[in-house]
């Protein structure tokens, strides 16, 4: 690919330095986890709503660290540091990855260890013993536990990662069957609109990653639904749909999952800017616009999805789109010298002005800099590019 090895490695080093220097991970060895995000507070109209909705923060002059420890953000970062330790041959990154796992399993209180919901992960340490569970967050917890277990059998044995993930997969499918196609019911313990791939495809991804045939009917049911709805979905859903379909085809080798993967890869090709590779922001939790590059809900998952479908099919048009989008993300990585900014990706970039911007929401927009959903998955794509891999290879 056109992007060189040294350029990718420099990007990854900057990202690792951002985690260690920004204040989002204290102490910097990962032993007490990673906060959800850096929130830039200057000229941010959403600040007060953020503080009300996420009431745990450390204030600084022009920004705050939103301090709740989310299970998914911490495991996403642990996976990133583990891959960094292997690809960049840095033992300190492996130590951070281990410490994040040690925090999650032994000190966070987020893993439900007994009862009907054993294996589920509460949303954050602020409400660890949760009565509700999010499909998207828990789908990543299931999938990444299995991926890390495949890389490190020793850690799998120590933390019981595979066992917990398989318990969680059963819990996810039970919730999926109870809710998919049904009217919203406040009594359900699961949160998330399964009609949208943001939740539905990620759940399918997790079920497929177990490799267990008993989940085939559920994945087929959902992929039939997606084929019927693909033209009604916004751009932010395409990457999630790709991830779920590609993972299903990797493990189940079924025709419909490949059909879904190619259908949504084509949707990305249709919607991508031919010059820059950007995909217009259309997510309801973020500002929208053809000139806006959303790294919380859109580009971060699209680049991983394109990487997967490129690996799955080898088709040149998918490879070209993936490489162009990866190049865009590399280009816009933050070079602002302040420690809380250098090496990160903020939540939104304005392609017209060539700067971070575009507005704010209390969960999306330019001034939210996520440790997990943005600043871990984008480096996964960089790491995979170094080794010609995708998420399908773990």
Protein backbone atom coordinates (compact mmCIF):
# COMPACT_ATOMS: atom_id res chain seq x y z
CA UNK A 1 0.00 0.00 0.00
CA UNK A 2 1.03 3.62 -0.51
CA UNK A 3 1.39 4.37 3.21
CA UNK A 4 4.88 3.49 4.43
CA UNK A 5 5.84 1.40 7.44
CA UNK A 6 7.65 4.23 9.20
CA UNK A 7 4.66 6.54 8.79
CA UNK A 8 2.36 3.96 10.35
CA UNK A 9 4.75 3.29 13.22
CA UNK A 10 5.12 7.01 13.92
CA UNK A 11 1.34 7.33 14.08
CA UNK A 12 1.10 4.46 16.54
CA UNK A 13 3.85 5.86 18.74
CA UNK A 14 2.00 9.20 18.84
CA UNK A 15 -1.21 7.42 19.84
CA UNK A 16 0.49 5.48 22.63
CA UNK A 17 2.05 8.72 23.89
CA UNK A 18 -1.39 10.37 23.88
CA UNK A 19 -2.78 7.63 26.14
CA UNK A 20 0.15 8.02 28.52
CA UNK A 21 0.46 11.83 28.50
CA UNK A 22 -3.09 13.16 28.11
CA UNK A 23 -4.28 12.34 31.63
CA UNK A 24 -6.89 9.87 30.38
CA UNK A 25 -4.95 6.95 31.92
CA UNK A 26 -3.82 7.50 35.49
CA UNK A 27 -1.52 5.98 36.53
CA UNK A 28 0.06 5.61 33.11
CA UNK A 29 0.67 1.87 33.58
CA UNK A 30 -3.08 1.18 33.11
CA UNK A 31 -3.53 -0.37 36.56
CA UNK A 32 -6.63 1.73 37.29
CA UNK A 33 -8.02 1.75 33.78
CA UNK A 34 -8.71 4.44 31.21
CA UNK A 35 -11.28 7.23 31.34
CA UNK A 36 -13.95 7.46 28.65
CA UNK A 37 -12.75 10.63 26.91
CA UNK A 38 -11.06 13.98 26.91
CA UNK A 39 -13.74 16.64 26.66
CA UNK A 40 -12.61 19.98 25.25
CA UNK A 41 -14.66 22.59 27.12
CA UNK A 42 -13.84 25.87 25.38
CA UNK A 43 -16.75 27.00 23.18
CA UNK A 44 -18.42 23.62 23.69
CA UNK A 45 -22.19 24.09 24.02
CA UNK A 46 -22.66 20.51 25.21
CA UNK A 47 -20.46 20.69 28.32
CA UNK A 48 -23.20 20.99 30.94
CA UNK A 49 -25.21 18.15 29.44
CA UNK A 50 -22.07 15.99 29.43
CA UNK A 51 -21.49 16.68 33.12
CA UNK A 52 -25.11 15.87 33.95
CA UNK A 53 -25.12 12.65 31.92
CA UNK A 54 -21.61 11.51 32.90
CA UNK A 55 -21.08 12.87 36.43
CA UNK A 56 -17.44 11.96 36.98
CA UNK A 57 -14.73 14.27 35.68
CA UNK A 58 -11.45 16.03 36.37
CA UNK A 59 -11.34 19.66 35.26
CA UNK A 60 -8.39 21.37 33.60
CA UNK A 61 -8.08 24.84 32.06
CA UNK A 62 -9.60 24.11 28.65
CA UNK A 63 -10.66 20.50 28.95
CA UNK A 64 -11.88 17.82 31.32
CA UNK A 65 -11.18 14.12 31.59
CA UNK A 66 -14.51 12.27 31.68
CA UNK A 67 -13.47 9.72 34.25
CA UNK A 68 -15.94 6.86 34.19
CA UNK A 69 -14.23 3.61 33.28
CA UNK A 70 -16.21 1.83 30.59
CA UNK A 71 -15.64 -1.87 30.05
CA UNK A 72 -15.55 -1.63 26.26
CA UNK A 73 -13.21 1.38 26.15
CA UNK A 74 -10.75 -0.38 28.44
CA UNK A 75 -10.81 -3.68 26.57
CA UNK A 76 -10.50 -1.91 23.21
CA UNK A 77 -7.41 -0.11 24.50
CA UNK A 78 -6.00 -3.33 25.97
CA UNK A 79 -6.33 -5.03 22.56
CA UNK A 80 -4.58 -2.06 20.94
CA UNK A 81 -1.66 -2.11 23.39
CA UNK A 82 -1.31 -5.89 23.02
CA UNK A 83 -1.06 -5.57 19.24
CA UNK A 84 1.36 -2.65 19.63
CA UNK A 85 3.59 -4.74 21.87
CA UNK A 86 3.79 -7.43 19.18
CA UNK A 87 4.15 -5.24 16.10
CA UNK A 88 6.42 -2.58 17.62
CA UNK A 89 8.35 -4.95 19.92
CA UNK A 90 7.70 -2.83 23.02
CA UNK A 91 7.32 -4.78 26.25
CA UNK A 92 5.94 -1.72 28.10
CA UNK A 93 2.85 -1.82 25.87
CA UNK A 94 2.27 -5.46 26.79
CA UNK A 95 2.50 -4.49 30.46
CA UNK A 96 -0.15 -1.80 29.96
CA UNK A 97 -2.42 -4.29 28.16
CA UNK A 98 -2.07 -6.77 31.02
CA UNK A 99 -2.74 -4.11 33.65
CA UNK A 100 -5.90 -2.99 31.86
CA UNK A 101 -7.15 -6.59 31.90
CA UNK A 102 -6.18 -6.95 35.55
CA UNK A 103 -8.19 -3.81 36.31
CA UNK A 104 -11.22 -5.00 34.33
CA UNK A 105 -11.43 -8.48 35.82
CA UNK A 106 -10.25 -7.84 39.38
CA UNK A 107 -10.90 -4.23 40.39
CA UNK A 108 -13.51 -2.60 38.18
CA UNK A 109 -16.53 -4.51 39.47
CA UNK A 110 -18.06 -4.35 35.97
CA UNK A 111 -18.15 -8.09 35.23
CA UNK A 112 -21.28 -9.85 36.51
CA UNK A 113 -19.93 -13.10 37.95
CA UNK A 114 -23.05 -14.90 39.15
CA UNK A 115 -26.75 -15.28 38.54
CA UNK A 116 -28.75 -15.18 35.31
CA UNK A 117 -26.61 -12.37 33.87
CA UNK A 118 -23.22 -13.92 34.57
CA UNK A 119 -20.79 -12.88 31.86
CA UNK A 120 -22.43 -9.52 31.19
CA UNK A 121 -20.53 -6.29 31.66
CA UNK A 122 -22.06 -3.23 33.27
CA UNK A 123 -21.82 0.02 31.31
CA UNK A 124 -19.17 1.60 33.56
CA UNK A 125 -17.72 1.55 37.05
CA UNK A 126 -20.30 4.21 37.99
CA UNK A 127 -23.05 1.60 37.72
CA UNK A 128 -21.09 -1.62 37.83
CA UNK A 129 -23.77 -4.01 39.10
CA UNK A 130 -26.03 -3.06 36.24
CA UNK A 131 -29.62 -4.07 35.74
CA UNK A 132 -29.28 -3.06 32.08
CA UNK A 133 -26.75 -4.03 29.43
CA UNK A 134 -25.84 -2.39 26.11
CA UNK A 135 -25.74 -4.60 23.02
CA UNK A 136 -22.90 -2.65 21.36
CA UNK A 137 -20.58 -2.47 24.37
CA UNK A 138 -21.11 -6.11 25.32
CA UNK A 139 -20.68 -7.26 21.72
CA UNK A 140 -17.19 -5.79 21.76
CA UNK A 141 -16.51 -7.34 25.16
CA UNK A 142 -17.44 -10.77 23.80
CA UNK A 143 -15.52 -10.41 20.54
CA UNK A 144 -12.35 -8.90 21.99
CA UNK A 145 -12.13 -11.36 24.86
CA UNK A 146 -12.04 -14.15 22.28
CA UNK A 147 -9.49 -12.32 20.11
CA UNK A 148 -7.15 -11.60 23.02
CA UNK A 149 -7.55 -15.19 24.24
CA UNK A 150 -6.47 -16.41 20.79
CA UNK A 151 -3.34 -14.24 20.93
CA UNK A 152 -2.46 -14.99 24.57
CA UNK A 153 -3.59 -18.40 25.90
CA UNK A 154 -1.80 -17.57 29.15
CA UNK A 155 -4.00 -14.53 29.77
CA UNK A 156 -7.04 -16.55 28.69
CA UNK A 157 -6.29 -19.09 31.40
CA UNK A 158 -5.56 -16.44 34.03
CA UNK A 159 -8.69 -14.34 33.50
CA UNK A 160 -11.09 -16.97 32.10
CA UNK A 161 -11.65 -14.86 28.99
CA UNK A 162 -13.04 -17.56 26.69
CA UNK A 163 -15.38 -18.91 29.35
CA UNK A 164 -16.73 -15.44 30.15
CA UNK A 165 -17.09 -14.59 26.47
CA UNK A 166 -19.09 -17.74 25.71
CA UNK A 167 -21.40 -17.06 28.65
CA UNK A 168 -21.85 -13.53 27.35
CA UNK A 169 -22.59 -14.75 23.81
CA UNK A 170 -25.46 -16.85 25.13
CA UNK A 171 -26.76 -13.87 27.04
CA UNK A 172 -26.51 -11.64 23.95
CA UNK A 173 -28.45 -14.09 21.78
CA UNK A 174 -31.14 -14.50 24.40
CA UNK A 175 -31.57 -10.72 24.52
CA UNK A 176 -31.45 -10.47 20.74
CA UNK A 177 -34.21 -13.05 20.23
CA UNK A 178 -36.34 -11.42 22.93
CA UNK A 179 -36.14 -7.98 21.31
CA UNK A 180 -35.48 -8.15 17.59
CA UNK A 181 -38.57 -7.10 15.65
CA UNK A 182 -40.49 -6.34 18.85
CA UNK A 183 -41.87 -3.07 20.16
CA UNK A 184 -39.64 -1.34 22.76
CA UNK A 185 -40.21 -2.71 26.23
CA UNK A 186 -38.74 -0.90 29.27
CA UNK A 187 -38.66 -4.22 31.12
CA UNK A 188 -35.98 -5.65 28.81
CA UNK A 189 -32.53 -5.77 30.41
CA UNK A 190 -30.86 -4.96 27.09
CA UNK A 191 -30.48 -1.50 25.58
CA UNK A 192 -29.97 -0.65 21.90
CA UNK A 193 -32.06 -0.52 18.73
CA UNK A 194 -31.35 -3.80 16.92
CA UNK A 195 -32.85 -2.42 13.71
CA UNK A 196 -29.63 -0.43 13.38
CA UNK A 197 -26.33 -2.27 12.69
CA UNK A 198 -24.68 -0.14 15.41
CA UNK A 199 -26.32 -2.61 17.80
CA UNK A 200 -27.61 -5.47 15.67
CA UNK A 201 -24.55 -6.15 13.51
CA UNK A 202 -22.20 -5.88 16.47
CA UNK A 203 -24.27 -8.48 18.32
CA UNK A 204 -24.09 -10.72 15.24
CA UNK A 205 -20.32 -10.15 15.06
CA UNK A 206 -19.96 -11.42 18.62
CA UNK A 207 -22.11 -14.50 18.03
CA UNK A 208 -20.21 -15.38 14.85
CA UNK A 209 -16.82 -14.93 16.52
CA UNK A 210 -17.62 -17.81 18.87
CA UNK A 211 -17.63 -20.08 15.80
CA UNK A 212 -20.57 -22.01 17.28
CA UNK A 213 -23.04 -23.29 14.70
CA UNK A 214 -25.97 -22.85 17.05
CA UNK A 215 -25.86 -19.12 16.29
CA UNK A 216 -26.21 -19.50 12.52
CA UNK A 217 -30.02 -19.09 12.44
CA UNK A 218 -29.79 -15.78 14.31
CA UNK A 219 -27.08 -14.40 12.02
CA UNK A 220 -29.03 -15.48 8.92
CA UNK A 221 -32.22 -13.91 10.22
CA UNK A 222 -30.48 -10.60 10.79
CA UNK A 223 -28.69 -10.55 7.46
CA UNK A 224 -31.93 -11.16 5.59
CA UNK A 225 -33.33 -8.16 7.45
CA UNK A 226 -30.32 -5.99 6.54
CA UNK A 227 -30.62 -6.80 2.84
CA UNK A 228 -34.19 -5.56 2.91
CA UNK A 229 -33.25 -2.34 4.74
CA UNK A 230 -29.84 -1.42 3.33
CA UNK A 231 -31.11 1.58 1.36
CA UNK A 232 -32.85 3.06 4.41
CA UNK A 233 -29.76 3.23 6.65
CA UNK A 234 -27.42 6.17 7.15
CA UNK A 235 -23.70 6.14 6.37
CA UNK A 236 -22.80 5.66 10.02
CA UNK A 237 -24.32 2.18 9.94
CA UNK A 238 -22.32 0.83 6.99
CA UNK A 239 -19.13 0.04 8.88
CA UNK A 240 -20.95 -1.85 11.62
CA UNK A 241 -22.87 -3.88 9.02
CA UNK A 242 -19.60 -4.76 7.30
CA UNK A 243 -17.99 -5.92 10.54
CA UNK A 244 -20.91 -8.18 11.43
CA UNK A 245 -21.23 -9.66 7.95
CA UNK A 246 -17.50 -10.20 7.42
CA UNK A 247 -17.05 -11.89 10.79
CA UNK A 248 -20.03 -14.14 10.07
CA UNK A 249 -18.61 -15.17 6.71
CA UNK A 250 -15.18 -15.78 8.24
CA UNK A 251 -16.60 -18.34 10.66
CA UNK A 252 -19.78 -19.65 9.00
CA UNK A 253 -18.84 -19.30 5.28
CA UNK A 254 -22.48 -18.69 4.37
CA UNK A 255 -23.60 -17.02 1.17
CA UNK A 256 -25.91 -14.41 2.69
CA UNK A 257 -23.27 -12.87 4.95
CA UNK A 258 -20.97 -12.36 1.96
CA UNK A 259 -23.89 -10.82 0.07
CA UNK A 260 -24.46 -8.39 2.94
CA UNK A 261 -20.76 -7.57 3.19
CA UNK A 262 -20.52 -6.73 -0.50
CA UNK A 263 -23.79 -4.77 -0.44
CA UNK A 264 -22.53 -2.47 2.33
CA UNK A 265 -19.06 -2.21 0.83
CA UNK A 266 -20.77 -0.92 -2.30
CA UNK A 267 -22.79 1.55 -0.21
CA UNK A 268 -19.52 2.93 1.17
CA UNK A 269 -18.08 3.23 -2.34
CA UNK A 270 -21.20 5.14 -3.42
CA UNK A 271 -21.01 7.53 -0.47
CA UNK A 272 -17.24 8.06 -0.30
CA UNK A 273 -15.75 11.30 -1.55
CA UNK A 274 -13.62 10.26 -4.57
CA UNK A 275 -10.88 12.74 -3.71
CA UNK A 276 -10.49 12.34 0.05
CA UNK A 277 -12.19 9.03 0.90
CA UNK A 278 -14.39 10.75 3.49
CA UNK A 279 -17.86 9.39 4.20
CA UNK A 280 -20.34 12.13 5.13
CA UNK A 281 -21.42 12.27 8.76
CA UNK A 282 -25.09 11.26 9.19
CA UNK A 283 -25.27 9.85 12.71
CA UNK A 284 -28.06 11.15 14.94
CA UNK A 285 -25.72 11.59 17.92
CA UNK A 286 -23.28 13.77 15.95
CA UNK A 287 -23.48 16.85 13.71
CA UNK A 288 -24.28 15.95 10.09
CA UNK A 289 -22.84 17.22 6.84
CA UNK A 290 -21.09 16.12 3.66
CA UNK A 291 -18.01 18.09 4.72
CA UNK A 292 -17.78 16.47 8.17
CA UNK A 293 -15.56 13.50 8.98
CA UNK A 294 -16.99 11.68 12.01
CA UNK A 295 -14.47 9.50 13.87
CA UNK A 296 -16.78 8.31 16.66
CA UNK A 297 -19.56 6.58 14.72
CA UNK A 298 -18.50 6.43 11.06
CA UNK A 299 -14.93 6.49 9.73
CA UNK A 300 -13.40 4.46 12.56
CA UNK A 301 -15.69 1.49 11.91
CA UNK A 302 -15.81 1.95 8.13
CA UNK A 303 -12.03 1.65 7.82
CA UNK A 304 -12.05 -1.58 9.83
CA UNK A 305 -15.00 -2.92 7.84
CA UNK A 306 -13.31 -2.11 4.53
CA UNK A 307 -10.14 -3.73 5.80
CA UNK A 308 -12.12 -6.89 6.58
CA UNK A 309 -14.01 -7.05 3.28
CA UNK A 310 -10.76 -6.39 1.40
CA UNK A 311 -9.15 -9.30 3.24
CA UNK A 312 -12.20 -11.47 2.66
CA UNK A 313 -12.65 -10.84 -1.07
CA UNK A 314 -9.40 -9.30 -2.32
CA UNK A 315 -11.40 -7.03 -4.63
CA UNK A 316 -9.36 -4.08 -5.83
CA UNK A 317 -12.14 -1.50 -5.46
CA UNK A 318 -12.53 -2.33 -1.76
CA UNK A 319 -8.78 -2.28 -1.21
CA UNK A 320 -8.54 1.15 -2.89
CA UNK A 321 -11.36 2.58 -0.74
CA UNK A 322 -9.83 1.15 2.43
CA UNK A 323 -6.37 2.54 1.67
CA UNK A 324 -7.75 5.98 0.81
CA UNK A 325 -9.74 6.14 4.04
CA UNK A 326 -6.77 4.92 6.08
CA UNK A 327 -4.67 7.63 4.45
CA UNK A 328 -7.23 10.28 5.36
CA UNK A 329 -7.25 9.18 9.00
CA UNK A 330 -3.47 9.23 9.10
CA UNK A 331 -3.43 12.71 7.60
CA UNK A 332 -5.85 14.23 10.12
CA UNK A 333 -4.29 12.71 13.25
CA UNK A 334 -3.92 15.62 15.68
CA UNK A 335 -0.53 17.37 15.66
CA UNK A 336 -1.50 20.05 18.20
CA UNK A 337 1.46 20.14 20.63
CA UNK A 338 -0.50 20.08 23.92
CA UNK A 339 -0.20 16.71 25.67
CA UNK A 340 -3.96 16.16 25.85
CA UNK A 341 -4.22 16.51 22.05
CA UNK A 342 -1.03 15.41 20.32
CA UNK A 343 -1.45 12.01 18.68
CA UNK A 344 -5.22 11.71 19.12
CA UNK A 345 -8.19 11.79 16.79
CA UNK A 346 -10.85 14.21 17.94
CA UNK A 347 -14.47 13.33 17.31
CA UNK A 348 -15.02 15.32 14.12
CA UNK A 349 -12.99 17.01 11.39
CA UNK A 350 -14.24 19.66 8.97
CA UNK A 351 -12.97 18.80 5.50
CA UNK A 352 -13.81 22.27 4.15
CA UNK A 353 -11.77 24.22 6.68
CA UNK A 354 -9.06 21.59 7.15
CA UNK A 355 -9.46 21.71 10.94
CA UNK A 356 -11.15 19.85 13.75
CA UNK A 357 -14.69 21.19 14.05
CA UNK A 358 -18.28 20.86 12.96
CA UNK A 359 -20.18 21.22 16.20
CA UNK A 360 -20.89 19.21 19.32
CA UNK A 361 -23.35 16.85 20.92
CA UNK A 362 -23.11 15.47 24.43
CA UNK A 363 -21.73 12.18 23.07
CA UNK A 364 -20.48 13.14 19.60
CA UNK A 365 -18.78 16.00 17.79
CA UNK A 366 -15.33 17.50 17.54
CA UNK A 367 -14.71 18.19 21.22
CA UNK A 368 -15.18 14.61 22.43
CA UNK A 369 -11.97 12.57 22.18
CA UNK A 370 -12.82 8.96 23.03
CA UNK A 371 -10.25 6.57 24.47
CA UNK A 372 -12.10 3.52 23.19
CA UNK A 373 -14.45 4.01 20.27
CA UNK A 374 -12.12 6.36 18.38
CA UNK A 375 -8.54 6.24 19.60
CA UNK A 376 -8.27 2.46 19.91
CA UNK A 377 -10.06 1.19 16.75
CA UNK A 378 -8.27 3.55 14.35
CA UNK A 379 -4.87 2.29 15.55
CA UNK A 380 -6.15 -1.30 15.12
CA UNK A 381 -6.47 -0.47 11.43
CA UNK A 382 -2.95 1.01 11.38
CA UNK A 383 -1.54 -2.07 13.13
CA UNK A 384 -3.33 -4.42 10.76
CA UNK A 385 -2.01 -2.46 7.79
CA UNK A 386 1.55 -3.10 8.99
CA UNK A 387 1.00 -6.86 8.87
CA UNK A 388 -1.57 -7.13 6.05
CA UNK A 389 -4.21 -8.34 8.50
CA UNK A 390 -7.76 -7.48 9.55
CA UNK A 391 -9.92 -8.23 12.56
CA UNK A 392 -10.76 -11.52 10.87
CA UNK A 393 -7.25 -12.83 11.56
CA UNK A 394 -7.40 -12.96 15.36
